[in-house]
Amino acid sequence: MKTGNIKIWVDADACPVVVKEILFRAAERTGVELTLVANQPLTTPPSANINSLQVPRGFDVADDEIVKRLAPGDLVITSDIPLAAEVIEKGGHALSPRGELHTKENIGAKLNIRDFMDTMRSSGVEMGGGPSAYSQRDKQEFANNLDRFLTKYASD
């Protein structure tokens, strides 16, 4: 399914700056349209194919806007598992800022784990300190998987 007109959408409120910088360079290099969606103003480099979209504050407003605008084949950068599941259900691709590609094969298990952890936290069980700090390895994994995706799907 090669297509030259895929778009990349970024769930930008919690996206690390280093990931945005990798995405800016990739968009410039490939010409793929990149849109950052957030509930706060964002600064993007001046480019014909790099945009930002500010949405109102509120629970899942940015996620809902991404799903609404997403076309089959588009890529969404997000660490939000429920958003990744919606993206996959709609025919898109989802990549976490740590470089993990969410797929039809693995998203169900990830949703189950997330729901289980939410249930444990809401019942008062201490769950530790959250995700580890973003590392050089995470950055490399993200860049490599983004490159693989763009080579596979964004080539004419």
N, C-alpha and C. Protein backbone atom coordinates (compact mmCIF):
# COMPACT_ATOMS: atom_id res chain seq x y z
N MET A 1 0.83 -1.18 0.00
CA MET A 1 0.00 0.00 0.00
C MET A 1 0.87 1.25 0.00
N LYS A 2 1.58 1.46 -1.04
CA LYS A 2 2.39 2.68 -1.14
C LYS A 2 1.47 3.84 -1.50
N THR A 3 1.70 4.94 -0.84
CA THR A 3 0.93 6.13 -1.14
C THR A 3 1.79 7.34 -0.85
N GLY A 4 1.78 8.27 -1.74
CA GLY A 4 2.58 9.46 -1.55
C GLY A 4 1.86 10.53 -0.75
N ASN A 5 0.60 10.28 -0.37
CA ASN A 5 -0.16 11.36 0.28
C ASN A 5 -0.62 11.02 1.69
N ILE A 6 0.13 10.19 2.39
CA ILE A 6 -0.20 9.95 3.79
C ILE A 6 0.13 11.22 4.58
N LYS A 7 -0.50 11.33 5.73
CA LYS A 7 -0.22 12.44 6.63
C LYS A 7 0.23 11.87 7.97
N ILE A 8 0.98 12.67 8.70
CA ILE A 8 1.38 12.32 10.05
C ILE A 8 0.68 13.28 10.99
N TRP A 9 -0.01 12.72 11.98
CA TRP A 9 -0.69 13.48 13.02
C TRP A 9 0.02 13.24 14.33
N VAL A 10 0.21 14.28 15.13
CA VAL A 10 0.91 14.15 16.40
C VAL A 10 0.00 14.58 17.54
N ASP A 11 -0.18 13.68 18.49
CA ASP A 11 -0.86 13.99 19.74
C ASP A 11 0.18 14.77 20.54
N ALA A 12 0.20 16.10 20.35
CA ALA A 12 1.38 16.89 20.70
C ALA A 12 1.45 17.39 22.14
N ASP A 13 0.37 17.32 22.90
CA ASP A 13 0.41 17.86 24.26
C ASP A 13 1.47 17.20 25.12
N ALA A 14 1.65 15.89 24.98
CA ALA A 14 2.62 15.17 25.83
C ALA A 14 3.80 14.63 25.03
N CYS A 15 3.95 15.07 23.80
CA CYS A 15 5.02 14.56 22.93
C CYS A 15 6.35 15.24 23.27
N PRO A 16 7.39 14.44 23.52
CA PRO A 16 8.70 15.04 23.84
C PRO A 16 9.22 15.96 22.71
N VAL A 17 9.88 17.03 23.08
CA VAL A 17 10.44 17.99 22.12
C VAL A 17 11.35 17.28 21.13
N VAL A 18 12.17 16.35 21.59
CA VAL A 18 13.11 15.67 20.71
C VAL A 18 12.37 14.88 19.62
N VAL A 19 11.20 14.32 19.94
CA VAL A 19 10.40 13.60 18.95
C VAL A 19 9.85 14.58 17.92
N LYS A 20 9.38 15.73 18.37
CA LYS A 20 8.89 16.75 17.44
C LYS A 20 10.01 17.17 16.49
N GLU A 21 11.23 17.33 17.01
CA GLU A 21 12.36 17.73 16.15
C GLU A 21 12.66 16.67 15.10
N ILE A 22 12.61 15.40 15.48
CA ILE A 22 12.82 14.31 14.51
C ILE A 22 11.72 14.36 13.45
N LEU A 23 10.48 14.59 13.88
CA LEU A 23 9.36 14.66 12.94
C LEU A 23 9.49 15.85 11.99
N PHE A 24 9.93 17.00 12.50
CA PHE A 24 10.11 18.18 11.64
C PHE A 24 11.13 17.87 10.54
N ARG A 25 12.26 17.25 10.93
CA ARG A 25 13.29 16.92 9.93
C ARG A 25 12.76 15.91 8.91
N ALA A 26 12.02 14.91 9.39
CA ALA A 26 11.49 13.88 8.49
C ALA A 26 10.47 14.48 7.51
N ALA A 27 9.64 15.38 8.00
CA ALA A 27 8.64 16.02 7.14
C ALA A 27 9.32 16.86 6.06
N GLU A 28 10.35 17.59 6.45
CA GLU A 28 11.10 18.39 5.47
C GLU A 28 11.77 17.49 4.44
N ARG A 29 12.38 16.41 4.89
CA ARG A 29 13.11 15.51 4.01
C ARG A 29 12.19 14.79 3.02
N THR A 30 11.00 14.38 3.49
CA THR A 30 10.12 13.54 2.66
C THR A 30 8.99 14.30 2.00
N GLY A 31 8.67 15.50 2.52
CA GLY A 31 7.54 16.25 1.99
C GLY A 31 6.20 15.78 2.54
N VAL A 32 6.18 14.83 3.48
CA VAL A 32 4.94 14.35 4.08
C VAL A 32 4.34 15.46 4.93
N GLU A 33 3.02 15.61 4.86
CA GLU A 33 2.34 16.62 5.66
C GLU A 33 2.31 16.18 7.12
N LEU A 34 2.74 17.09 8.01
CA LEU A 34 2.82 16.83 9.45
C LEU A 34 1.95 17.85 10.17
N THR A 35 1.04 17.36 11.02
CA THR A 35 0.19 18.26 11.80
C THR A 35 0.27 17.89 13.28
N LEU A 36 0.64 18.87 14.10
CA LEU A 36 0.68 18.69 15.54
C LEU A 36 -0.64 19.21 16.11
N VAL A 37 -1.31 18.38 16.90
CA VAL A 37 -2.60 18.74 17.47
C VAL A 37 -2.42 18.85 18.99
N ALA A 38 -2.82 20.00 19.55
CA ALA A 38 -2.64 20.22 20.99
C ALA A 38 -3.67 21.22 21.48
N ASN A 39 -3.85 21.28 22.81
CA ASN A 39 -4.79 22.25 23.36
C ASN A 39 -4.06 23.49 23.86
N GLN A 40 -2.87 23.71 23.36
CA GLN A 40 -2.10 24.91 23.68
C GLN A 40 -1.39 25.36 22.40
N PRO A 41 -1.00 26.62 22.31
CA PRO A 41 -0.29 27.08 21.11
C PRO A 41 1.05 26.35 20.95
N LEU A 42 1.39 26.02 19.72
CA LEU A 42 2.65 25.33 19.43
C LEU A 42 3.45 26.14 18.43
N THR A 43 4.75 26.04 18.55
CA THR A 43 5.63 26.67 17.58
C THR A 43 6.15 25.60 16.64
N THR A 44 6.02 25.84 15.34
CA THR A 44 6.54 24.91 14.34
C THR A 44 7.45 25.68 13.40
N PRO A 45 8.40 24.97 12.78
CA PRO A 45 9.27 25.67 11.82
C PRO A 45 8.46 26.14 10.61
N PRO A 46 8.90 27.21 9.98
CA PRO A 46 8.19 27.67 8.78
C PRO A 46 8.36 26.64 7.66
N SER A 47 7.27 26.04 7.26
CA SER A 47 7.32 25.00 6.23
C SER A 47 5.93 24.84 5.64
N ALA A 48 5.87 24.58 4.34
CA ALA A 48 4.59 24.40 3.67
C ALA A 48 3.86 23.14 4.14
N ASN A 49 4.60 22.15 4.65
CA ASN A 49 3.96 20.88 5.01
C ASN A 49 3.98 20.57 6.51
N ILE A 50 4.32 21.57 7.35
CA ILE A 50 4.29 21.39 8.81
C ILE A 50 3.29 22.38 9.39
N ASN A 51 2.27 21.83 10.08
CA ASN A 51 1.19 22.65 10.62
C ASN A 51 0.95 22.33 12.08
N SER A 52 0.28 23.25 12.76
CA SER A 52 -0.21 22.95 14.10
C SER A 52 -1.69 23.30 14.15
N LEU A 53 -2.40 22.57 14.98
CA LEU A 53 -3.83 22.77 15.14
C LEU A 53 -4.11 22.84 16.63
N GLN A 54 -4.59 24.01 17.08
CA GLN A 54 -4.93 24.15 18.49
C GLN A 54 -6.40 23.85 18.67
N VAL A 55 -6.70 22.95 19.62
CA VAL A 55 -8.08 22.57 19.92
C VAL A 55 -8.41 23.09 21.32
N PRO A 56 -9.71 23.20 21.65
CA PRO A 56 -10.08 23.64 23.00
C PRO A 56 -9.57 22.66 24.06
N ARG A 57 -9.37 23.17 25.26
CA ARG A 57 -8.98 22.29 26.38
C ARG A 57 -10.14 21.35 26.68
N GLY A 58 -9.80 20.18 27.18
CA GLY A 58 -10.84 19.23 27.56
C GLY A 58 -10.35 17.81 27.37
N PHE A 59 -10.99 16.91 28.07
CA PHE A 59 -10.60 15.50 28.04
C PHE A 59 -10.79 14.93 26.64
N ASP A 60 -9.72 14.43 26.05
CA ASP A 60 -9.72 13.75 24.74
C ASP A 60 -10.11 14.64 23.56
N VAL A 61 -10.11 15.96 23.71
CA VAL A 61 -10.47 16.84 22.59
C VAL A 61 -9.47 16.69 21.44
N ALA A 62 -8.17 16.70 21.75
CA ALA A 62 -7.15 16.54 20.71
C ALA A 62 -7.27 15.15 20.07
N ASP A 63 -7.46 14.12 20.89
CA ASP A 63 -7.60 12.75 20.36
C ASP A 63 -8.78 12.66 19.40
N ASP A 64 -9.91 13.22 19.81
CA ASP A 64 -11.11 13.16 18.98
C ASP A 64 -10.90 13.89 17.65
N GLU A 65 -10.19 15.01 17.69
CA GLU A 65 -9.93 15.78 16.47
C GLU A 65 -9.02 14.98 15.52
N ILE A 66 -8.02 14.32 16.07
CA ILE A 66 -7.14 13.49 15.25
C ILE A 66 -7.93 12.37 14.58
N VAL A 67 -8.75 11.67 15.35
CA VAL A 67 -9.54 10.56 14.79
C VAL A 67 -10.49 11.07 13.71
N LYS A 68 -11.08 12.24 13.94
CA LYS A 68 -12.02 12.81 12.96
C LYS A 68 -11.32 13.11 11.63
N ARG A 69 -10.10 13.61 11.68
CA ARG A 69 -9.40 14.04 10.46
C ARG A 69 -8.56 12.93 9.81
N LEU A 70 -8.31 11.88 10.54
CA LEU A 70 -7.45 10.79 10.09
C LEU A 70 -8.02 10.09 8.86
N ALA A 71 -7.16 9.79 7.90
CA ALA A 71 -7.55 8.98 6.74
C ALA A 71 -6.83 7.63 6.84
N PRO A 72 -7.42 6.59 6.28
CA PRO A 72 -6.73 5.28 6.29
C PRO A 72 -5.32 5.43 5.71
N GLY A 73 -4.36 4.81 6.39
CA GLY A 73 -2.97 4.87 5.96
C GLY A 73 -2.16 5.94 6.66
N ASP A 74 -2.83 6.93 7.28
CA ASP A 74 -2.11 7.98 7.99
C ASP A 74 -1.41 7.41 9.22
N LEU A 75 -0.39 8.13 9.69
CA LEU A 75 0.36 7.75 10.88
C LEU A 75 0.05 8.73 12.00
N VAL A 76 -0.21 8.18 13.21
CA VAL A 76 -0.43 9.02 14.38
C VAL A 76 0.67 8.71 15.40
N ILE A 77 1.30 9.78 15.89
CA ILE A 77 2.32 9.65 16.93
C ILE A 77 1.62 9.91 18.27
N THR A 78 1.54 8.88 19.11
CA THR A 78 0.87 9.02 20.40
C THR A 78 1.33 7.97 21.39
N SER A 79 1.31 8.34 22.67
CA SER A 79 1.56 7.36 23.72
C SER A 79 0.24 6.95 24.36
N ASP A 80 -0.87 7.45 23.84
CA ASP A 80 -2.21 7.18 24.35
C ASP A 80 -2.74 5.88 23.72
N ILE A 81 -2.84 4.83 24.53
CA ILE A 81 -3.24 3.52 24.01
C ILE A 81 -4.67 3.53 23.45
N PRO A 82 -5.66 4.12 24.15
CA PRO A 82 -7.00 4.15 23.55
C PRO A 82 -7.04 4.91 22.21
N LEU A 83 -6.28 6.00 22.09
CA LEU A 83 -6.21 6.71 20.81
C LEU A 83 -5.58 5.81 19.75
N ALA A 84 -4.50 5.13 20.09
CA ALA A 84 -3.85 4.21 19.14
C ALA A 84 -4.84 3.15 18.66
N ALA A 85 -5.66 2.63 19.58
CA ALA A 85 -6.65 1.62 19.20
C ALA A 85 -7.67 2.18 18.21
N GLU A 86 -8.13 3.42 18.45
CA GLU A 86 -9.09 4.05 17.53
C GLU A 86 -8.45 4.28 16.16
N VAL A 87 -7.19 4.69 16.15
CA VAL A 87 -6.47 4.94 14.91
C VAL A 87 -6.38 3.64 14.09
N ILE A 88 -6.00 2.56 14.74
CA ILE A 88 -5.87 1.27 14.06
C ILE A 88 -7.23 0.81 13.54
N GLU A 89 -8.26 0.99 14.36
CA GLU A 89 -9.62 0.60 13.95
C GLU A 89 -10.06 1.36 12.70
N LYS A 90 -9.59 2.59 12.55
CA LYS A 90 -9.97 3.42 11.41
C LYS A 90 -9.04 3.21 10.20
N GLY A 91 -8.07 2.29 10.32
CA GLY A 91 -7.19 2.00 9.19
C GLY A 91 -5.89 2.78 9.17
N GLY A 92 -5.61 3.46 10.27
CA GLY A 92 -4.35 4.21 10.36
C GLY A 92 -3.28 3.40 11.05
N HIS A 93 -2.14 4.03 11.24
CA HIS A 93 -0.99 3.42 11.92
C HIS A 93 -0.69 4.28 13.16
N ALA A 94 -0.20 3.64 14.22
CA ALA A 94 0.11 4.37 15.45
C ALA A 94 1.51 4.00 15.93
N LEU A 95 2.30 5.02 16.20
CA LEU A 95 3.67 4.85 16.67
C LEU A 95 3.84 5.66 17.95
N SER A 96 4.39 5.03 19.00
CA SER A 96 4.60 5.76 20.24
C SER A 96 5.87 6.60 20.14
N PRO A 97 5.98 7.65 20.95
CA PRO A 97 7.21 8.45 20.95
C PRO A 97 8.45 7.64 21.35
N ARG A 98 8.25 6.48 21.94
CA ARG A 98 9.37 5.60 22.30
C ARG A 98 9.69 4.61 21.18
N GLY A 99 8.97 4.73 20.06
CA GLY A 99 9.29 3.92 18.89
C GLY A 99 8.55 2.61 18.78
N GLU A 100 7.55 2.40 19.61
CA GLU A 100 6.79 1.15 19.57
C GLU A 100 5.63 1.28 18.59
N LEU A 101 5.60 0.42 17.58
CA LEU A 101 4.52 0.44 16.61
C LEU A 101 3.35 -0.36 17.16
N HIS A 102 2.21 0.30 17.29
CA HIS A 102 0.99 -0.38 17.73
C HIS A 102 0.35 -1.01 16.50
N THR A 103 -0.11 -2.24 16.63
CA THR A 103 -0.68 -2.98 15.49
C THR A 103 -1.99 -3.64 15.89
N LYS A 104 -2.71 -4.14 14.90
CA LYS A 104 -3.93 -4.91 15.18
C LYS A 104 -3.62 -6.09 16.08
N GLU A 105 -2.42 -6.65 15.92
CA GLU A 105 -2.04 -7.84 16.68
C GLU A 105 -1.71 -7.54 18.14
N ASN A 106 -1.21 -6.34 18.45
CA ASN A 106 -0.78 -6.09 19.84
C ASN A 106 -1.63 -5.09 20.61
N ILE A 107 -2.51 -4.37 19.94
CA ILE A 107 -3.23 -3.28 20.62
C ILE A 107 -4.23 -3.80 21.65
N GLY A 108 -4.85 -4.94 21.41
CA GLY A 108 -5.82 -5.49 22.37
C GLY A 108 -5.16 -5.79 23.70
N ALA A 109 -4.00 -6.42 23.68
CA ALA A 109 -3.29 -6.75 24.92
C ALA A 109 -2.87 -5.47 25.64
N LYS A 110 -2.44 -4.46 24.88
CA LYS A 110 -2.02 -3.20 25.51
C LYS A 110 -3.20 -2.49 26.17
N LEU A 111 -4.37 -2.54 25.52
CA LEU A 111 -5.57 -1.96 26.12
C LEU A 111 -5.94 -2.69 27.41
N ASN A 112 -5.85 -4.03 27.39
CA ASN A 112 -6.17 -4.82 28.58
C ASN A 112 -5.24 -4.47 29.74
N ILE A 113 -3.95 -4.36 29.47
CA ILE A 113 -2.98 -4.02 30.51
C ILE A 113 -3.27 -2.63 31.05
N ARG A 114 -3.53 -1.68 30.16
CA ARG A 114 -3.83 -0.31 30.58
C ARG A 114 -5.07 -0.29 31.47
N ASP A 115 -6.13 -0.99 31.06
CA ASP A 115 -7.36 -1.02 31.84
C ASP A 115 -7.13 -1.67 33.21
N PHE A 116 -6.35 -2.74 33.22
CA PHE A 116 -6.03 -3.42 34.47
C PHE A 116 -5.29 -2.48 35.42
N MET A 117 -4.30 -1.76 34.90
CA MET A 117 -3.53 -0.83 35.72
C MET A 117 -4.43 0.30 36.24
N ASP A 118 -5.33 0.80 35.41
CA ASP A 118 -6.27 1.83 35.85
C ASP A 118 -7.15 1.32 36.99
N THR A 119 -7.62 0.09 36.85
CA THR A 119 -8.46 -0.52 37.88
C THR A 119 -7.69 -0.65 39.19
N MET A 120 -6.43 -1.09 39.09
CA MET A 120 -5.61 -1.25 40.29
C MET A 120 -5.39 0.11 40.97
N ARG A 121 -5.04 1.13 40.18
CA ARG A 121 -4.81 2.46 40.74
C ARG A 121 -6.07 3.01 41.40
N SER A 122 -7.22 2.83 40.74
CA SER A 122 -8.47 3.39 41.29
C SER A 122 -8.93 2.63 42.53
N SER A 123 -8.43 1.42 42.73
CA SER A 123 -8.79 0.68 43.95
C SER A 123 -7.79 0.93 45.07
N GLY A 124 -6.84 1.86 44.84
CA GLY A 124 -5.93 2.27 45.90
C GLY A 124 -4.60 1.53 45.94
N VAL A 125 -4.33 0.68 44.97
CA VAL A 125 -3.05 -0.04 44.94
C VAL A 125 -1.96 0.90 44.42
N GLU A 126 -0.85 1.00 45.15
CA GLU A 126 0.29 1.81 44.70
C GLU A 126 0.96 1.11 43.52
N MET A 127 1.18 1.85 42.44
CA MET A 127 1.68 1.23 41.21
C MET A 127 3.08 1.68 40.81
N GLY A 128 3.81 2.36 41.64
CA GLY A 128 5.15 2.79 41.24
C GLY A 128 5.12 4.16 40.61
N GLY A 129 6.24 4.55 40.03
CA GLY A 129 6.43 5.93 39.63
C GLY A 129 6.16 6.30 38.20
N GLY A 130 5.46 5.53 37.42
CA GLY A 130 5.17 5.92 36.05
C GLY A 130 6.28 5.51 35.10
N PRO A 131 6.20 6.00 33.86
CA PRO A 131 7.19 5.58 32.86
C PRO A 131 8.59 6.09 33.16
N SER A 132 9.57 5.38 32.65
CA SER A 132 10.96 5.80 32.85
C SER A 132 11.24 7.06 32.02
N ALA A 133 12.32 7.74 32.35
CA ALA A 133 12.71 8.94 31.61
C ALA A 133 12.98 8.59 30.14
N TYR A 134 12.70 9.54 29.27
CA TYR A 134 12.93 9.35 27.84
C TYR A 134 14.44 9.25 27.61
N SER A 135 14.86 8.19 26.94
CA SER A 135 16.30 7.91 26.81
C SER A 135 16.79 8.06 25.37
N GLN A 136 18.09 8.03 25.23
CA GLN A 136 18.72 8.05 23.90
C GLN A 136 18.24 6.83 23.09
N ARG A 137 18.08 5.70 23.77
CA ARG A 137 17.62 4.48 23.10
C ARG A 137 16.18 4.67 22.58
N ASP A 138 15.32 5.31 23.39
CA ASP A 138 13.95 5.60 22.95
C ASP A 138 13.98 6.48 21.70
N LYS A 139 14.81 7.51 21.73
CA LYS A 139 14.94 8.43 20.60
C LYS A 139 15.37 7.68 19.34
N GLN A 140 16.37 6.81 19.47
CA GLN A 140 16.87 6.04 18.33
C GLN A 140 15.81 5.08 17.80
N GLU A 141 15.12 4.42 18.71
CA GLU A 141 14.06 3.48 18.32
C GLU A 141 12.95 4.21 17.57
N PHE A 142 12.57 5.39 18.06
CA PHE A 142 11.55 6.18 17.38
C PHE A 142 12.01 6.57 15.98
N ALA A 143 13.21 7.13 15.90
CA ALA A 143 13.74 7.58 14.59
C ALA A 143 13.82 6.41 13.61
N ASN A 144 14.28 5.26 14.07
CA ASN A 144 14.40 4.09 13.18
C ASN A 144 13.04 3.61 12.69
N ASN A 145 12.07 3.50 13.59
CA ASN A 145 10.75 3.03 13.18
C ASN A 145 10.01 4.04 12.31
N LEU A 146 10.21 5.33 12.58
CA LEU A 146 9.62 6.36 11.72
C LEU A 146 10.22 6.25 10.32
N ASP A 147 11.53 6.10 10.25
CA ASP A 147 12.21 5.95 8.95
C ASP A 147 11.69 4.73 8.18
N ARG A 148 11.56 3.61 8.87
CA ARG A 148 11.04 2.39 8.23
C ARG A 148 9.63 2.62 7.69
N PHE A 149 8.80 3.28 8.50
CA PHE A 149 7.43 3.55 8.09
C PHE A 149 7.42 4.43 6.85
N LEU A 150 8.17 5.53 6.88
CA LEU A 150 8.18 6.46 5.76
C LEU A 150 8.73 5.81 4.50
N THR A 151 9.74 4.97 4.64
CA THR A 151 10.28 4.25 3.48
C THR A 151 9.23 3.33 2.87
N LYS A 152 8.46 2.69 3.72
CA LYS A 152 7.45 1.72 3.26
C LYS A 152 6.21 2.40 2.68
N TYR A 153 5.73 3.46 3.33
CA TYR A 153 4.42 4.02 2.98
C TYR A 153 4.44 5.37 2.32
N ALA A 154 5.50 6.13 2.43
CA ALA A 154 5.48 7.49 1.92
C ALA A 154 6.25 7.66 0.62
N SER A 155 6.75 6.56 0.09
CA SER A 155 7.49 6.65 -1.18
C SER A 155 6.51 6.68 -2.33
N ASP A 156 6.86 7.41 -3.35
CA ASP A 156 5.97 7.46 -4.54
C ASP A 156 6.12 6.22 -5.38
